[in-house]
Amino acid sequence: ATVISPANLLLVFLKWCGICDAILGASFGFAALFGFLGAWAFPYLKTRIPLLRLGVLSMWTWAAFILPVGVIFSLVQAGFLNISPLIIGRCIIVCMVTGRA
C-alpha cells in the first residue's frame, strides 16, 4: 500500500461487500487526487500553522472521518445494527474519500 492507494485487503473486502469496479476505481482515484492536493497544500499550511499542530490536526481529522466506520463495525458485531455489507462498503468508501479531502 502507498499513500495514494489503500491496502489490497481493503480492496478485497470492498469487492466482497459488492462494490462494483467502477465505484472502486473512481473512489480510489478521488482519494489519490485528494492525497496529491493535500501534499500540494502542505507547504502553504506549514507556513501558517506550526508543524506539530498541523500534524496533530491532520491525525485527529483523519480519525474523525474513520470513526464512523469503526462505530458501524462495532455495532454490527455486537448485534445492535443489522445492515448489508454493501452499505458498510459504501460507508468505508465515503469516509475514505472525504477523509483525504
PDB file of N, CA and C in Angstrom:
ATOM      1  N   ALA A   1       0.844  -1.192   0.000  1.00  0.00           N
ATOM      2  CA  ALA A   1       0.000   0.000   0.000  1.00  0.00           C
ATOM      3  C   ALA A   1       0.886   1.251   0.000  1.00  0.00           C
ATOM      4  N   THR A   2       0.388   2.282  -0.626  1.00  0.00           N
ATOM      5  CA  THR A   2       1.095   3.552  -0.659  1.00  0.00           C
ATOM      6  C   THR A   2       0.158   4.632  -0.131  1.00  0.00           C
ATOM      7  N   VAL A   3       0.646   5.860  -0.108  1.00  0.00           N
ATOM      8  CA  VAL A   3      -0.198   6.955   0.360  1.00  0.00           C
ATOM      9  C   VAL A   3      -1.287   7.296  -0.637  1.00  0.00           C
ATOM     10  N   ILE A   4      -1.183   6.824  -1.868  1.00  0.00           N
ATOM     11  CA  ILE A   4      -2.217   7.145  -2.850  1.00  0.00           C
ATOM     12  C   ILE A   4      -3.147   5.979  -3.140  1.00  0.00           C
ATOM     13  N   SER A   5      -2.936   4.834  -2.538  1.00  0.00           N
ATOM     14  CA  SER A   5      -3.871   3.723  -2.724  1.00  0.00           C
ATOM     15  C   SER A   5      -3.988   2.933  -1.429  1.00  0.00           C
ATOM     16  N   PRO A   6      -5.187   2.438  -1.145  1.00  0.00           N
ATOM     17  CA  PRO A   6      -5.368   1.652   0.075  1.00  0.00           C
ATOM     18  C   PRO A   6      -4.787   0.256  -0.077  1.00  0.00           C
ATOM     19  N   ALA A   7      -4.766  -0.467   0.994  1.00  0.00           N
ATOM     20  CA  ALA A   7      -4.186  -1.805   1.007  1.00  0.00           C
ATOM     21  C   ALA A   7      -5.045  -2.780   0.204  1.00  0.00           C
ATOM     22  N   ASN A   8      -4.412  -3.850  -0.251  1.00  0.00           N
ATOM     23  CA  ASN A   8      -5.120  -4.869  -1.019  1.00  0.00           C
ATOM     24  C   ASN A   8      -6.215  -5.534  -0.198  1.00  0.00           C
ATOM     25  N   LEU A   9      -6.013  -5.675   1.098  1.00  0.00           N
ATOM     26  CA  LEU A   9      -7.019  -6.290   1.955  1.00  0.00           C
ATOM     27  C   LEU A   9      -8.311  -5.474   1.936  1.00  0.00           C
ATOM     28  N   LEU A  10      -8.196  -4.161   1.968  1.00  0.00           N
ATOM     29  CA  LEU A  10      -9.382  -3.302   1.885  1.00  0.00           C
ATOM     30  C   LEU A  10     -10.071  -3.469   0.537  1.00  0.00           C
ATOM     31  N   LEU A  11      -9.302  -3.555  -0.520  1.00  0.00           N
ATOM     32  CA  LEU A  11      -9.869  -3.747  -1.854  1.00  0.00           C
ATOM     33  C   LEU A  11     -10.657  -5.053  -1.928  1.00  0.00           C
ATOM     34  N   VAL A  12     -10.094  -6.116  -1.411  1.00  0.00           N
ATOM     35  CA  VAL A  12     -10.776  -7.413  -1.432  1.00  0.00           C
ATOM     36  C   VAL A  12     -12.039  -7.361  -0.568  1.00  0.00           C
ATOM     37  N   PHE A  13     -11.963  -6.724   0.582  1.00  0.00           N
ATOM     38  CA  PHE A  13     -13.143  -6.607   1.440  1.00  0.00           C
ATOM     39  C   PHE A  13     -14.252  -5.835   0.738  1.00  0.00           C
ATOM     40  N   LEU A  14     -13.908  -4.726   0.093  1.00  0.00           N
ATOM     41  CA  LEU A  14     -14.918  -3.943  -0.606  1.00  0.00           C
ATOM     42  C   LEU A  14     -15.525  -4.718  -1.771  1.00  0.00           C
ATOM     43  N   LYS A  15     -14.716  -5.519  -2.463  1.00  0.00           N
ATOM     44  CA  LYS A  15     -15.253  -6.373  -3.523  1.00  0.00           C
ATOM     45  C   LYS A  15     -16.205  -7.407  -2.932  1.00  0.00           C
ATOM     46  N   TRP A  16     -15.858  -7.976  -1.788  1.00  0.00           N
ATOM     47  CA  TRP A  16     -16.725  -8.938  -1.115  1.00  0.00           C
ATOM     48  C   TRP A  16     -18.047  -8.285  -0.702  1.00  0.00           C
ATOM     49  N   CYS A  17     -17.997  -7.011  -0.313  1.00  0.00           N
ATOM     50  CA  CYS A  17     -19.213  -6.282   0.072  1.00  0.00           C
ATOM     51  C   CYS A  17     -20.133  -6.043  -1.113  1.00  0.00           C
ATOM     52  N   GLY A  18     -19.622  -6.157  -2.321  1.00  0.00           N
ATOM     53  CA  GLY A  18     -20.448  -5.984  -3.502  1.00  0.00           C
ATOM     54  C   GLY A  18     -20.266  -4.655  -4.212  1.00  0.00           C
ATOM     55  N   ILE A  19     -19.207  -3.928  -3.871  1.00  0.00           N
ATOM     56  CA  ILE A  19     -18.942  -2.655  -4.535  1.00  0.00           C
ATOM     57  C   ILE A  19     -18.412  -2.954  -5.931  1.00  0.00           C
ATOM     58  N   CYS A  20     -18.987  -2.305  -6.944  1.00  0.00           N
ATOM     59  CA  CYS A  20     -18.570  -2.590  -8.321  1.00  0.00           C
ATOM     60  C   CYS A  20     -17.213  -1.933  -8.629  1.00  0.00           C
ATOM     61  N   ASP A  21     -16.584  -2.452  -9.659  1.00  0.00           N
ATOM     62  CA  ASP A  21     -15.242  -1.987 -10.027  1.00  0.00           C
ATOM     63  C   ASP A  21     -15.205  -0.506 -10.386  1.00  0.00           C
ATOM     64  N   ALA A  22     -16.253  -0.005 -11.035  1.00  0.00           N
ATOM     65  CA  ALA A  22     -16.269   1.406 -11.437  1.00  0.00           C
ATOM     66  C   ALA A  22     -16.275   2.322 -10.215  1.00  0.00           C
ATOM     67  N   ILE A  23     -17.052   1.977  -9.207  1.00  0.00           N
ATOM     68  CA  ILE A  23     -17.099   2.797  -7.988  1.00  0.00           C
ATOM     69  C   ILE A  23     -15.774   2.697  -7.242  1.00  0.00           C
ATOM     70  N   LEU A  24     -15.208   1.503  -7.191  1.00  0.00           N
ATOM     71  CA  LEU A  24     -13.896   1.353  -6.548  1.00  0.00           C
ATOM     72  C   LEU A  24     -12.839   2.181  -7.251  1.00  0.00           C
ATOM     73  N   GLY A  25     -12.801   2.109  -8.563  1.00  0.00           N
ATOM     74  CA  GLY A  25     -11.813   2.880  -9.315  1.00  0.00           C
ATOM     75  C   GLY A  25     -11.988   4.374  -9.125  1.00  0.00           C
ATOM     76  N   ALA A  26     -13.240   4.833  -9.189  1.00  0.00           N
ATOM     77  CA  ALA A  26     -13.498   6.261  -9.013  1.00  0.00           C
ATOM     78  C   ALA A  26     -13.138   6.717  -7.602  1.00  0.00           C
ATOM     79  N   SER A  27     -13.486   5.913  -6.603  1.00  0.00           N
ATOM     80  CA  SER A  27     -13.187   6.322  -5.224  1.00  0.00           C
ATOM     81  C   SER A  27     -11.685   6.322  -4.961  1.00  0.00           C
ATOM     82  N   PHE A  28     -10.970   5.338  -5.482  1.00  0.00           N
ATOM     83  CA  PHE A  28      -9.523   5.328  -5.302  1.00  0.00           C
ATOM     84  C   PHE A  28      -8.876   6.483  -6.054  1.00  0.00           C
ATOM     85  N   GLY A  29      -9.436   6.809  -7.227  1.00  0.00           N
ATOM     86  CA  GLY A  29      -8.928   7.954  -7.977  1.00  0.00           C
ATOM     87  C   GLY A  29      -9.146   9.261  -7.234  1.00  0.00           C
ATOM     88  N   PHE A  30     -10.347   9.451  -6.683  1.00  0.00           N
ATOM     89  CA  PHE A  30     -10.614  10.657  -5.903  1.00  0.00           C
ATOM     90  C   PHE A  30      -9.741  10.717  -4.654  1.00  0.00           C
ATOM     91  N   ALA A  31      -9.561   9.569  -3.995  1.00  0.00           N
ATOM     92  CA  ALA A  31      -8.703   9.539  -2.808  1.00  0.00           C
ATOM     93  C   ALA A  31      -7.270   9.924  -3.176  1.00  0.00           C
ATOM     94  N   ALA A  32      -6.785   9.425  -4.310  1.00  0.00           N
ATOM     95  CA  ALA A  32      -5.436   9.782  -4.761  1.00  0.00           C
ATOM     96  C   ALA A  32      -5.352  11.262  -5.107  1.00  0.00           C
ATOM     97  N   LEU A  33      -6.376  11.777  -5.772  1.00  0.00           N
ATOM     98  CA  LEU A  33      -6.402  13.199  -6.113  1.00  0.00           C
ATOM     99  C   LEU A  33      -6.363  14.057  -4.858  1.00  0.00           C
ATOM    100  N   PHE A  34      -7.178  13.710  -3.873  1.00  0.00           N
ATOM    101  CA  PHE A  34      -7.180  14.474  -2.624  1.00  0.00           C
ATOM    102  C   PHE A  34      -5.853  14.315  -1.878  1.00  0.00           C
ATOM    103  N   GLY A  35      -5.225  13.147  -2.002  1.00  0.00           N
ATOM    104  CA  GLY A  35      -3.907  12.965  -1.402  1.00  0.00           C
ATOM    105  C   GLY A  35      -2.867  13.879  -2.032  1.00  0.00           C
ATOM    106  N   PHE A  36      -2.913  13.984  -3.361  1.00  0.00           N
ATOM    107  CA  PHE A  36      -1.996  14.891  -4.051  1.00  0.00           C
ATOM    108  C   PHE A  36      -2.277  16.349  -3.695  1.00  0.00           C
ATOM    109  N   LEU A  37      -3.567  16.711  -3.608  1.00  0.00           N
ATOM    110  CA  LEU A  37      -3.912  18.077  -3.223  1.00  0.00           C
ATOM    111  C   LEU A  37      -3.431  18.387  -1.811  1.00  0.00           C
ATOM    112  N   GLY A  38      -3.526  17.407  -0.923  1.00  0.00           N
ATOM    113  CA  GLY A  38      -3.015  17.598   0.436  1.00  0.00           C
ATOM    114  C   GLY A  38      -1.503  17.786   0.453  1.00  0.00           C
ATOM    115  N   ALA A  39      -0.807  17.000  -0.364  1.00  0.00           N
ATOM    116  CA  ALA A  39       0.649  17.163  -0.454  1.00  0.00           C
ATOM    117  C   ALA A  39       1.017  18.514  -1.064  1.00  0.00           C
ATOM    118  N   TRP A  40       0.202  19.005  -1.975  1.00  0.00           N
ATOM    119  CA  TRP A  40       0.430  20.309  -2.587  1.00  0.00           C
ATOM    120  C   TRP A  40       0.151  21.432  -1.593  1.00  0.00           C
ATOM    121  N   ALA A  41      -0.886  21.265  -0.749  1.00  0.00           N
ATOM    122  CA  ALA A  41      -1.265  22.316   0.200  1.00  0.00           C
ATOM    123  C   ALA A  41      -0.383  22.317   1.453  1.00  0.00           C
ATOM    124  N   PHE A  42       0.305  21.227   1.730  1.00  0.00           N
ATOM    125  CA  PHE A  42       1.082  21.125   2.961  1.00  0.00           C
ATOM    126  C   PHE A  42       2.116  22.239   3.129  1.00  0.00           C
ATOM    127  N   PRO A  43       2.935  22.557   2.125  1.00  0.00           N
ATOM    128  CA  PRO A  43       3.919  23.629   2.333  1.00  0.00           C
ATOM    129  C   PRO A  43       3.270  24.974   2.680  1.00  0.00           C
ATOM    130  N   TYR A  44       2.130  25.268   2.060  1.00  0.00           N
ATOM    131  CA  TYR A  44       1.427  26.515   2.376  1.00  0.00           C
ATOM    132  C   TYR A  44       0.906  26.485   3.810  1.00  0.00           C
ATOM    133  N   LEU A  45       0.296  25.373   4.193  1.00  0.00           N
ATOM    134  CA  LEU A  45      -0.244  25.273   5.551  1.00  0.00           C
ATOM    135  C   LEU A  45       0.869  25.294   6.601  1.00  0.00           C
ATOM    136  N   LYS A  46       2.015  24.734   6.233  1.00  0.00           N
ATOM    137  CA  LYS A  46       3.146  24.692   7.173  1.00  0.00           C
ATOM    138  C   LYS A  46       3.652  26.087   7.508  1.00  0.00           C
ATOM    139  N   THR A  47       3.517  27.019   6.562  1.00  0.00           N
ATOM    140  CA  THR A  47       3.947  28.395   6.848  1.00  0.00           C
ATOM    141  C   THR A  47       2.937  29.130   7.718  1.00  0.00           C
ATOM    142  N   ARG A  48       1.691  28.657   7.743  1.00  0.00           N
ATOM    143  CA  ARG A  48       0.627  29.311   8.515  1.00  0.00           C
ATOM    144  C   ARG A  48       0.396  28.678   9.880  1.00  0.00           C
ATOM    145  N   ILE A  49       0.612  27.365   9.979  1.00  0.00           N
ATOM    146  CA  ILE A  49       0.336  26.614  11.210  1.00  0.00           C
ATOM    147  C   ILE A  49       1.625  25.914  11.632  1.00  0.00           C
ATOM    148  N   PRO A  50       1.983  25.967  12.925  1.00  0.00           N
ATOM    149  CA  PRO A  50       3.187  25.249  13.372  1.00  0.00           C
ATOM    150  C   PRO A  50       3.107  23.758  13.015  1.00  0.00           C
ATOM    151  N   LEU A  51       4.246  23.177  12.700  1.00  0.00           N
ATOM    152  CA  LEU A  51       4.306  21.820  12.183  1.00  0.00           C
ATOM    153  C   LEU A  51       3.671  20.806  13.129  1.00  0.00           C
ATOM    154  N   LEU A  52       3.969  20.888  14.403  1.00  0.00           N
ATOM    155  CA  LEU A  52       3.411  19.930  15.356  1.00  0.00           C
ATOM    156  C   LEU A  52       1.887  20.043  15.401  1.00  0.00           C
ATOM    157  N   ARG A  53       1.386  21.263  15.446  1.00  0.00           N
ATOM    158  CA  ARG A  53      -0.064  21.472  15.478  1.00  0.00           C
ATOM    159  C   ARG A  53      -0.711  20.973  14.184  1.00  0.00           C
ATOM    160  N   LEU A  54      -0.044  21.191  13.065  1.00  0.00           N
ATOM    161  CA  LEU A  54      -0.563  20.726  11.784  1.00  0.00           C
ATOM    162  C   LEU A  54      -0.627  19.200  11.736  1.00  0.00           C
ATOM    163  N   GLY A  55       0.393  18.541  12.253  1.00  0.00           N
ATOM    164  CA  GLY A  55       0.398  17.084  12.293  1.00  0.00           C
ATOM    165  C   GLY A  55      -0.694  16.528  13.186  1.00  0.00           C
ATOM    166  N   VAL A  56      -0.843  17.122  14.359  1.00  0.00           N
ATOM    167  CA  VAL A  56      -1.888  16.667  15.283  1.00  0.00           C
ATOM    168  C   VAL A  56      -3.270  16.916  14.677  1.00  0.00           C
ATOM    169  N   LEU A  57      -3.452  18.063  14.068  1.00  0.00           N
ATOM    170  CA  LEU A  57      -4.731  18.374  13.418  1.00  0.00           C
ATOM    171  C   LEU A  57      -5.027  17.376  12.302  1.00  0.00           C
ATOM    172  N   SER A  58      -4.020  17.039  11.539  1.00  0.00           N
ATOM    173  CA  SER A  58      -4.189  16.082  10.453  1.00  0.00           C
ATOM    174  C   SER A  58      -4.597  14.709  10.978  1.00  0.00           C
ATOM    175  N   MET A  59      -3.939  14.245  12.029  1.00  0.00           N
ATOM    176  CA  MET A  59      -4.258  12.924  12.584  1.00  0.00           C
ATOM    177  C   MET A  59      -5.662  12.886  13.181  1.00  0.00           C
ATOM    178  N   TRP A  60      -6.046  13.925  13.915  1.00  0.00           N
ATOM    179  CA  TRP A  60      -7.374  13.952  14.517  1.00  0.00           C
ATOM    180  C   TRP A  60      -8.463  14.077  13.458  1.00  0.00           C
ATOM    181  N   THR A  61      -8.198  14.819  12.400  1.00  0.00           N
ATOM    182  CA  THR A  61      -9.179  14.934  11.325  1.00  0.00           C
ATOM    183  C   THR A  61      -9.379  13.589  10.642  1.00  0.00           C
ATOM    184  N   TRP A  62      -8.289  12.893  10.358  1.00  0.00           N
ATOM    185  CA  TRP A  62      -8.382  11.566   9.737  1.00  0.00           C
ATOM    186  C   TRP A  62      -9.132  10.606  10.650  1.00  0.00           C
ATOM    187  N   ALA A  63      -8.828  10.636  11.946  1.00  0.00           N
ATOM    188  CA  ALA A  63      -9.515   9.763  12.898  1.00  0.00           C
ATOM    189  C   ALA A  63     -11.007  10.077  12.945  1.00  0.00           C
ATOM    190  N   ALA A  64     -11.367  11.348  12.863  1.00  0.00           N
ATOM    191  CA  ALA A  64     -12.779  11.732  12.897  1.00  0.00           C
ATOM    192  C   ALA A  64     -13.526  11.206  11.671  1.00  0.00           C
ATOM    193  N   PHE A  65     -12.859  11.138  10.524  1.00  0.00           N
ATOM    194  CA  PHE A  65     -13.518  10.625   9.329  1.00  0.00           C
ATOM    195  C   PHE A  65     -13.587   9.100   9.316  1.00  0.00           C
ATOM    196  N   ILE A  66     -12.660   8.439   9.982  1.00  0.00           N
ATOM    197  CA  ILE A  66     -12.655   6.983  10.013  1.00  0.00           C
ATOM    198  C   ILE A  66     -13.513   6.445  11.162  1.00  0.00           C
ATOM    199  N   LEU A  67     -13.749   7.245  12.178  1.00  0.00           N
ATOM    200  CA  LEU A  67     -14.523   6.819  13.355  1.00  0.00           C
ATOM    201  C   LEU A  67     -15.891   6.234  12.996  1.00  0.00           C
ATOM    202  N   PRO A  68     -16.663   6.828  12.072  1.00  0.00           N
ATOM    203  CA  PRO A  68     -17.970   6.221  11.759  1.00  0.00           C
ATOM    204  C   PRO A  68     -17.872   4.770  11.287  1.00  0.00           C
ATOM    205  N   VAL A  69     -16.836   4.435  10.557  1.00  0.00           N
ATOM    206  CA  VAL A  69     -16.667   3.055  10.099  1.00  0.00           C
ATOM    207  C   VAL A  69     -16.436   2.135  11.288  1.00  0.00           C
ATOM    208  N   GLY A  70     -15.602   2.552  12.226  1.00  0.00           N
ATOM    209  CA  GLY A  70     -15.362   1.752  13.427  1.00  0.00           C
ATOM    210  C   GLY A  70     -16.615   1.575  14.263  1.00  0.00           C
ATOM    211  N   VAL A  71     -17.406   2.634  14.368  1.00  0.00           N
ATOM    212  CA  VAL A  71     -18.661   2.547  15.126  1.00  0.00           C
ATOM    213  C   VAL A  71     -19.622   1.581  14.438  1.00  0.00           C
ATOM    214  N   ILE A  72     -19.731   1.675  13.125  1.00  0.00           N
ATOM    215  CA  ILE A  72     -20.625   0.773  12.388  1.00  0.00           C
ATOM    216  C   ILE A  72     -20.186  -0.673  12.554  1.00  0.00           C
ATOM    217  N   PHE A  73     -18.888  -0.960  12.395  1.00  0.00           N
ATOM    218  CA  PHE A  73     -18.394  -2.316  12.589  1.00  0.00           C
ATOM    219  C   PHE A  73     -18.688  -2.819  13.992  1.00  0.00           C
ATOM    220  N   SER A  74     -18.471  -1.977  14.995  1.00  0.00           N
ATOM    221  CA  SER A  74     -18.711  -2.381  16.376  1.00  0.00           C
ATOM    222  C   SER A  74     -20.187  -2.684  16.622  1.00  0.00           C
ATOM    223  N   LEU A  75     -21.068  -1.839  16.108  1.00  0.00           N
ATOM    224  CA  LEU A  75     -22.496  -2.058  16.301  1.00  0.00           C
ATOM    225  C   LEU A  75     -22.993  -3.302  15.567  1.00  0.00           C
ATOM    226  N   VAL A  76     -22.458  -3.558  14.387  1.00  0.00           N
ATOM    227  CA  VAL A  76     -22.842  -4.770  13.651  1.00  0.00           C
ATOM    228  C   VAL A  76     -22.361  -6.006  14.392  1.00  0.00           C
ATOM    229  N   GLN A  77     -21.112  -5.998  14.862  1.00  0.00           N
ATOM    230  CA  GLN A  77     -20.570  -7.156  15.575  1.00  0.00           C
ATOM    231  C   GLN A  77     -21.286  -7.419  16.892  1.00  0.00           C
ATOM    232  N   ALA A  78     -21.726  -6.351  17.552  1.00  0.00           N
ATOM    233  CA  ALA A  78     -22.427  -6.506  18.831  1.00  0.00           C
ATOM    234  C   ALA A  78     -23.888  -6.894  18.635  1.00  0.00           C
ATOM    235  N   GLY A  79     -24.385  -6.835  17.407  1.00  0.00           N
ATOM    236  CA  GLY A  79     -25.755  -7.214  17.128  1.00  0.00           C
ATOM    237  C   GLY A  79     -26.764  -6.086  17.274  1.00  0.00           C
ATOM    238  N   PHE A  80     -26.297  -4.871  17.485  1.00  0.00           N
ATOM    239  CA  PHE A  80     -27.200  -3.737  17.630  1.00  0.00           C
ATOM    240  C   PHE A  80     -27.639  -3.153  16.289  1.00  0.00           C
ATOM    241  N   LEU A  81     -26.944  -3.501  15.244  1.00  0.00           N
ATOM    242  CA  LEU A  81     -27.210  -2.937  13.934  1.00  0.00           C
ATOM    243  C   LEU A  81     -27.163  -4.055  12.904  1.00  0.00           C
ATOM    244  N   ASN A  82     -28.156  -4.105  12.056  1.00  0.00           N
ATOM    245  CA  ASN A  82     -28.207  -5.149  11.042  1.00  0.00           C
ATOM    246  C   ASN A  82     -28.315  -4.478   9.672  1.00  0.00           C
ATOM    247  N   ILE A  83     -27.170  -4.270   9.038  1.00  0.00           N
ATOM    248  CA  ILE A  83     -27.156  -3.660   7.712  1.00  0.00           C
ATOM    249  C   ILE A  83     -26.359  -4.548   6.765  1.00  0.00           C
ATOM    250  N   SER A  84     -26.602  -4.375   5.494  1.00  0.00           N
ATOM    251  CA  SER A  84     -25.946  -5.226   4.497  1.00  0.00           C
ATOM    252  C   SER A  84     -24.481  -4.843   4.339  1.00  0.00           C
ATOM    253  N   PRO A  85     -23.667  -5.800   3.901  1.00  0.00           N
ATOM    254  CA  PRO A  85     -22.261  -5.490   3.624  1.00  0.00           C
ATOM    255  C   PRO A  85     -22.089  -4.396   2.578  1.00  0.00           C
ATOM    256  N   LEU A  86     -23.039  -4.284   1.639  1.00  0.00           N
ATOM    257  CA  LEU A  86     -22.946  -3.242   0.618  1.00  0.00           C
ATOM    258  C   LEU A  86     -22.998  -1.852   1.259  1.00  0.00           C
ATOM    259  N   ILE A  87     -23.857  -1.667   2.246  1.00  0.00           N
ATOM    260  CA  ILE A  87     -23.943  -0.381   2.945  1.00  0.00           C
ATOM    261  C   ILE A  87     -22.656  -0.115   3.715  1.00  0.00           C
ATOM    262  N   ILE A  88     -22.113  -1.141   4.346  1.00  0.00           N
ATOM    263  CA  ILE A  88     -20.843  -0.980   5.064  1.00  0.00           C
ATOM    264  C   ILE A  88     -19.736  -0.584   4.092  1.00  0.00           C
ATOM    265  N   GLY A  89     -19.681  -1.240   2.943  1.00  0.00           N
ATOM    266  CA  GLY A  89     -18.674  -0.909   1.934  1.00  0.00           C
ATOM    267  C   GLY A  89     -18.804   0.522   1.451  1.00  0.00           C
ATOM    268  N   ARG A  90     -20.039   0.963   1.242  1.00  0.00           N
ATOM    269  CA  ARG A  90     -20.244   2.348   0.811  1.00  0.00           C
ATOM    270  C   ARG A  90     -19.830   3.336   1.892  1.00  0.00           C
ATOM    271  N   CYS A  91     -20.101   3.009   3.145  1.00  0.00           N
ATOM    272  CA  CYS A  91     -19.663   3.879   4.249  1.00  0.00           C
ATOM    273  C   CYS A  91     -18.138   3.987   4.288  1.00  0.00           C
ATOM    274  N   ILE A  92     -17.462   2.868   4.081  1.00  0.00           N
ATOM    275  CA  ILE A  92     -15.997   2.880   4.064  1.00  0.00           C
ATOM    276  C   ILE A  92     -15.490   3.784   2.949  1.00  0.00           C
ATOM    277  N   ILE A  93     -16.073   3.663   1.767  1.00  0.00           N
ATOM    278  CA  ILE A  93     -15.627   4.469   0.629  1.00  0.00           C
ATOM    279  C   ILE A  93     -15.851   5.949   0.897  1.00  0.00           C
ATOM    280  N   VAL A  94     -17.025   6.314   1.392  1.00  0.00           N
ATOM    281  CA  VAL A  94     -17.314   7.723   1.664  1.00  0.00           C
ATOM    282  C   VAL A  94     -16.355   8.275   2.708  1.00  0.00           C
ATOM    283  N   CYS A  95     -16.130   7.525   3.775  1.00  0.00           N
ATOM    284  CA  CYS A  95     -15.219   8.003   4.827  1.00  0.00           C
ATOM    285  C   CYS A  95     -13.788   8.091   4.312  1.00  0.00           C
ATOM    286  N   MET A  96     -13.376   7.140   3.485  1.00  0.00           N
ATOM    287  CA  MET A  96     -12.012   7.143   2.960  1.00  0.00           C
ATOM    288  C   MET A  96     -11.791   8.336   2.028  1.00  0.00           C
ATOM    289  N   VAL A  97     -12.729   8.578   1.132  1.00  0.00           N
ATOM    290  CA  VAL A  97     -12.555   9.670   0.164  1.00  0.00           C
ATOM    291  C   VAL A  97     -12.648  11.026   0.857  1.00  0.00           C
ATOM    292  N   THR A  98     -13.655  11.214   1.717  1.00  0.00           N
ATOM    293  CA  THR A  98     -13.792  12.502   2.389  1.00  0.00           C
ATOM    294  C   THR A  98     -12.685  12.730   3.402  1.00  0.00           C
ATOM    295  N   GLY A  99     -12.160  11.670   3.970  1.00  0.00           N
ATOM    296  CA  GLY A  99     -11.044  11.820   4.904  1.00  0.00           C
ATOM    297  C   GLY A  99      -9.773  12.332   4.250  1.00  0.00           C
ATOM    298  N   ARG A 100      -9.649  12.101   2.965  1.00  0.00           N
ATOM    299  CA  ARG A 100      -8.486  12.599   2.236  1.00  0.00           C
ATOM    300  C   ARG A 100      -8.617  14.066   1.876  1.00  0.00           C
ATOM    301  N   ALA A 101      -9.847  14.571   1.865  1.00  0.00           N
ATOM    302  CA  ALA A 101     -10.078  15.962   1.433  1.00  0.00           C
ATOM    303  C   ALA A 101      -9.501  16.968   2.408  1.00  0.00           C
TER     304      ALA A 101
END
